[in-house]
Amino acid sequence: MLVVITIMALITTTLLIRQSRFDSSTVLRSLAYSVALSVRQAQVYGTSVFGTSTLSSNCSGGSYNSGFCYAAGYGLYIDSGSLTGYTLFADLNNDGQYESSEAVKVFTLGTGYAISDFGATTTGTAVSRSYLGGQINNLTILFKRPNPDACIATSNSANACQPHAAPSETYASAYIRIQATGDPTNTKSVSVSTTGEVTVCATTGC
């Protein structure tokens, strides 16, 4: 009887562990697709005529009408100081950078999940700049009307998306890696190319 009970306990424990990991993987995959959809939402906003409710004084780089600023671009912003979420913003002053007054919506990943890494790859030499690598501490993915292409900037090349700027580095793609905090091996990545292609995969480069 004791042997049978022990075997049943081991089987039950194994099943519960596997079920927990399956549930975690399912949620993680859903979160990754949510991030990808947020990137796509920024792209749609950036290429269409979408108004953001704000003061006229904030709308120095867009067109203001009846309480709404029609910004020149929309994007996603990720900062190393807040790895539990990211921000969808409107580039109201058209400087190619995120300011707190430009936030349209702040997304939170939820308990047990966080952004474990984010980065960008430079053109030509294919050098990767990442948060975990210690080279950058923020990432901006911006879409400007009328092009569906993405402009990518980091703290290492903050002016990359400014009009007529000469950035220190030009990027070809960006990625956002999400992880289950209790399981470092359980990750998903969202990759965005400068052509506007958005991909969800299990590895950084997709």
Protein backbone atom coordinates (compact mmCIF):
# COMPACT_ATOMS: atom_id res chain seq x y z
CA MET A 1 0.00 0.00 0.00
CA LEU A 2 2.81 2.42 0.88
CA VAL A 3 4.56 1.67 -2.41
CA VAL A 4 1.36 2.34 -4.36
CA ILE A 5 0.75 5.61 -2.50
CA THR A 6 4.34 6.72 -3.13
CA ILE A 7 4.10 5.96 -6.84
CA MET A 8 0.78 7.84 -7.12
CA ALA A 9 2.27 10.82 -5.27
CA LEU A 10 5.25 10.92 -7.65
CA ILE A 11 3.03 10.70 -10.71
CA THR A 12 0.70 13.41 -9.38
CA THR A 13 3.62 15.71 -8.58
CA THR A 14 5.12 15.22 -12.04
CA LEU A 15 1.80 15.95 -13.72
CA LEU A 16 1.25 19.09 -11.65
CA ILE A 17 4.72 20.41 -12.49
CA ARG A 18 4.22 19.77 -16.19
CA GLN A 19 0.76 21.32 -16.11
CA SER A 20 2.13 24.40 -14.37
CA ARG A 21 4.86 24.80 -17.00
CA PHE A 22 2.32 24.28 -19.80
CA ASP A 23 0.07 26.97 -18.32
CA SER A 24 3.03 29.33 -17.94
CA SER A 25 4.12 28.74 -21.55
CA THR A 26 0.59 29.39 -22.78
CA VAL A 27 0.35 32.69 -20.92
CA LEU A 28 3.84 33.70 -22.09
CA ARG A 29 2.94 33.02 -25.72
CA SER A 30 -0.22 35.10 -25.30
CA LEU A 31 1.79 37.98 -23.79
CA ALA A 32 4.28 37.86 -26.66
CA TYR A 33 1.48 38.13 -29.20
CA SER A 34 -0.01 41.01 -27.18
CA VAL A 35 3.30 42.87 -27.44
CA ALA A 36 3.40 42.16 -31.18
CA LEU A 37 -0.14 43.49 -31.54
CA SER A 38 0.87 46.63 -29.64
CA VAL A 39 3.68 47.17 -32.14
CA ARG A 40 1.18 46.70 -34.95
CA GLN A 41 -1.22 49.13 -33.24
CA ALA A 42 1.52 51.77 -33.13
CA GLN A 43 2.18 51.12 -36.82
CA VAL A 44 -1.49 51.58 -37.71
CA TYR A 45 -1.74 54.76 -35.62
CA GLY A 46 1.49 56.08 -37.12
CA THR A 47 0.41 55.58 -40.72
CA SER A 48 -3.19 56.74 -40.30
CA VAL A 49 -4.86 59.88 -39.02
CA PHE A 50 -5.33 59.13 -35.32
CA GLY A 51 -5.84 61.88 -32.77
CA THR A 52 -4.56 61.90 -29.18
CA SER A 53 -6.43 63.91 -26.56
CA THR A 54 -4.03 66.48 -25.09
CA LEU A 55 -3.38 70.18 -24.56
CA SER A 56 -2.50 72.32 -27.55
CA SER A 57 0.78 73.26 -25.84
CA ASN A 58 1.88 69.61 -26.05
CA CYS A 59 1.19 69.40 -29.77
CA SER A 60 4.21 71.31 -31.07
CA GLY A 61 5.04 68.79 -33.78
CA GLY A 62 1.60 67.74 -34.95
CA SER A 63 -1.71 69.16 -36.09
CA TYR A 64 -4.08 70.27 -33.31
CA ASN A 65 -7.84 70.34 -33.72
CA SER A 66 -10.72 70.31 -31.20
CA GLY A 67 -8.69 68.95 -28.29
CA PHE A 68 -6.81 66.31 -30.30
CA CYS A 69 -3.24 66.25 -31.53
CA TYR A 70 -2.63 64.39 -34.77
CA ALA A 71 0.96 63.40 -34.14
CA ALA A 72 3.55 62.72 -36.81
CA GLY A 73 4.27 59.30 -35.37
CA TYR A 74 3.41 56.63 -32.79
CA GLY A 75 5.64 54.10 -31.13
CA LEU A 76 6.51 51.73 -28.31
CA TYR A 77 8.95 52.63 -25.54
CA ILE A 78 10.71 50.22 -23.17
CA ASP A 79 12.89 51.31 -20.25
CA SER A 80 15.19 49.25 -18.05
CA GLY A 81 13.71 50.96 -14.99
CA SER A 82 10.31 49.36 -15.63
CA LEU A 83 10.67 45.86 -17.07
CA THR A 84 7.17 44.76 -16.09
CA GLY A 85 5.59 46.63 -18.98
CA TYR A 86 5.96 49.06 -21.87
CA THR A 87 4.37 52.26 -23.20
CA LEU A 88 2.48 53.11 -26.38
CA PHE A 89 3.11 56.80 -27.08
CA ALA A 90 2.35 59.57 -29.56
CA ASP A 91 5.31 61.65 -30.75
CA LEU A 92 3.48 64.90 -30.14
CA ASN A 93 6.50 67.19 -30.58
CA ASN A 94 7.98 65.18 -33.49
CA ASP A 95 11.40 64.82 -31.89
CA GLY A 96 11.56 61.05 -32.37
CA GLN A 97 11.81 60.40 -28.63
CA TYR A 98 9.47 59.46 -25.80
CA GLU A 99 8.44 61.90 -23.07
CA SER A 100 6.13 61.00 -20.19
CA SER A 101 3.54 63.54 -21.38
CA GLU A 102 3.24 61.61 -24.66
CA ALA A 103 2.04 58.31 -23.17
CA VAL A 104 -1.16 57.02 -24.79
CA LYS A 105 -1.36 53.72 -22.90
CA VAL A 106 0.88 51.89 -20.43
CA PHE A 107 0.79 48.08 -20.71
CA THR A 108 1.62 45.77 -17.79
CA LEU A 109 2.65 42.17 -18.41
CA GLY A 110 1.23 40.82 -15.16
CA THR A 111 2.51 39.00 -12.11
CA GLY A 112 5.16 36.38 -12.82
CA TYR A 113 6.29 37.80 -16.17
CA ALA A 114 8.76 40.50 -17.16
CA ILE A 115 10.89 41.79 -20.02
CA SER A 116 14.19 39.95 -19.53
CA ASP A 117 16.06 41.67 -22.36
CA PHE A 118 15.63 44.09 -25.25
CA GLY A 119 17.97 45.30 -27.92
CA ALA A 120 18.70 46.31 -31.48
CA THR A 121 21.03 45.19 -34.25
CA THR A 122 23.05 47.72 -36.20
CA THR A 123 23.14 47.67 -39.99
CA GLY A 124 26.16 46.50 -41.92
CA THR A 125 28.31 44.87 -39.25
CA ALA A 126 25.28 43.27 -37.51
CA VAL A 127 26.46 44.34 -34.05
CA SER A 128 23.89 43.74 -31.31
CA ARG A 129 23.24 46.32 -28.62
CA SER A 130 21.26 44.91 -25.70
CA TYR A 131 20.11 45.75 -22.21
CA LEU A 132 21.60 42.55 -20.76
CA GLY A 133 24.82 43.33 -22.58
CA GLY A 134 25.05 46.63 -20.71
CA GLN A 135 25.08 48.81 -23.83
CA ILE A 136 21.57 50.35 -23.69
CA ASN A 137 18.90 51.13 -21.13
CA ASN A 138 15.91 51.99 -23.33
CA LEU A 139 14.40 51.11 -26.70
CA THR A 140 12.08 53.07 -28.98
CA ILE A 141 10.23 51.62 -31.99
CA LEU A 142 8.59 54.47 -33.89
CA PHE A 143 6.32 54.62 -36.95
CA LYS A 144 5.99 57.92 -38.81
CA ARG A 145 3.33 58.88 -41.31
CA PRO A 146 2.99 57.93 -44.14
CA ASN A 147 5.54 55.09 -44.11
CA PRO A 148 4.83 51.69 -42.50
CA ASP A 149 8.58 51.28 -41.87
CA ALA A 150 9.88 51.29 -38.31
CA CYS A 151 12.47 53.67 -36.94
CA ILE A 152 14.50 52.15 -34.09
CA ALA A 153 16.37 54.13 -31.45
CA THR A 154 18.14 53.29 -28.20
CA SER A 155 19.90 55.21 -25.45
CA ASN A 156 23.08 54.51 -27.43
CA SER A 157 21.67 56.36 -30.44
CA ALA A 158 18.90 58.48 -28.96
CA ASN A 159 18.53 60.83 -31.94
CA ALA A 160 18.09 58.03 -34.50
CA CYS A 161 14.44 58.91 -35.14
CA GLN A 162 14.78 62.69 -35.12
CA PRO A 163 14.05 64.45 -38.42
CA HIS A 164 17.23 64.99 -40.45
CA ALA A 165 19.35 63.51 -37.66
CA ALA A 166 22.74 61.88 -38.08
CA PRO A 167 22.52 59.07 -35.51
CA SER A 168 25.63 57.52 -34.01
CA GLU A 169 24.24 54.11 -34.98
CA THR A 170 21.58 53.02 -37.46
CA TYR A 171 19.58 49.92 -36.58
CA ALA A 172 18.15 47.21 -38.82
CA SER A 173 15.95 45.44 -36.28
CA ALA A 174 14.88 45.36 -32.64
CA TYR A 175 13.72 42.67 -30.26
CA ILE A 176 11.87 42.37 -26.95
CA ARG A 177 12.32 39.20 -24.91
CA ILE A 178 9.71 38.18 -22.32
CA GLN A 179 10.37 35.66 -19.57
CA ALA A 180 8.48 33.81 -16.87
CA THR A 181 10.26 35.11 -13.76
CA GLY A 182 10.22 31.72 -12.09
CA ASP A 183 11.61 29.89 -15.12
CA PRO A 184 14.52 31.57 -17.00
CA THR A 185 14.31 28.97 -19.78
CA ASN A 186 10.71 29.87 -20.56
CA THR A 187 11.01 32.84 -22.94
CA LYS A 188 9.46 34.36 -26.05
CA SER A 189 10.77 37.15 -28.26
CA VAL A 190 9.10 39.77 -30.44
CA SER A 191 11.26 40.92 -33.36
CA VAL A 192 10.64 44.10 -35.39
CA SER A 193 12.53 44.93 -38.57
CA THR A 194 12.90 48.41 -40.06
CA THR A 195 10.63 47.28 -42.92
CA GLY A 196 7.80 46.98 -40.40
CA GLU A 197 7.74 43.18 -40.17
CA VAL A 198 6.73 41.91 -36.70
CA THR A 199 7.54 38.32 -35.68
CA VAL A 200 7.01 36.24 -32.51
CA CYS A 201 9.50 33.46 -31.90
CA ALA A 202 11.40 31.54 -29.26
CA THR A 203 14.80 33.09 -30.03
CA THR A 204 16.13 36.65 -30.16
CA GLY A 205 16.76 36.92 -33.88
CA CYS A 206 13.66 35.00 -35.03
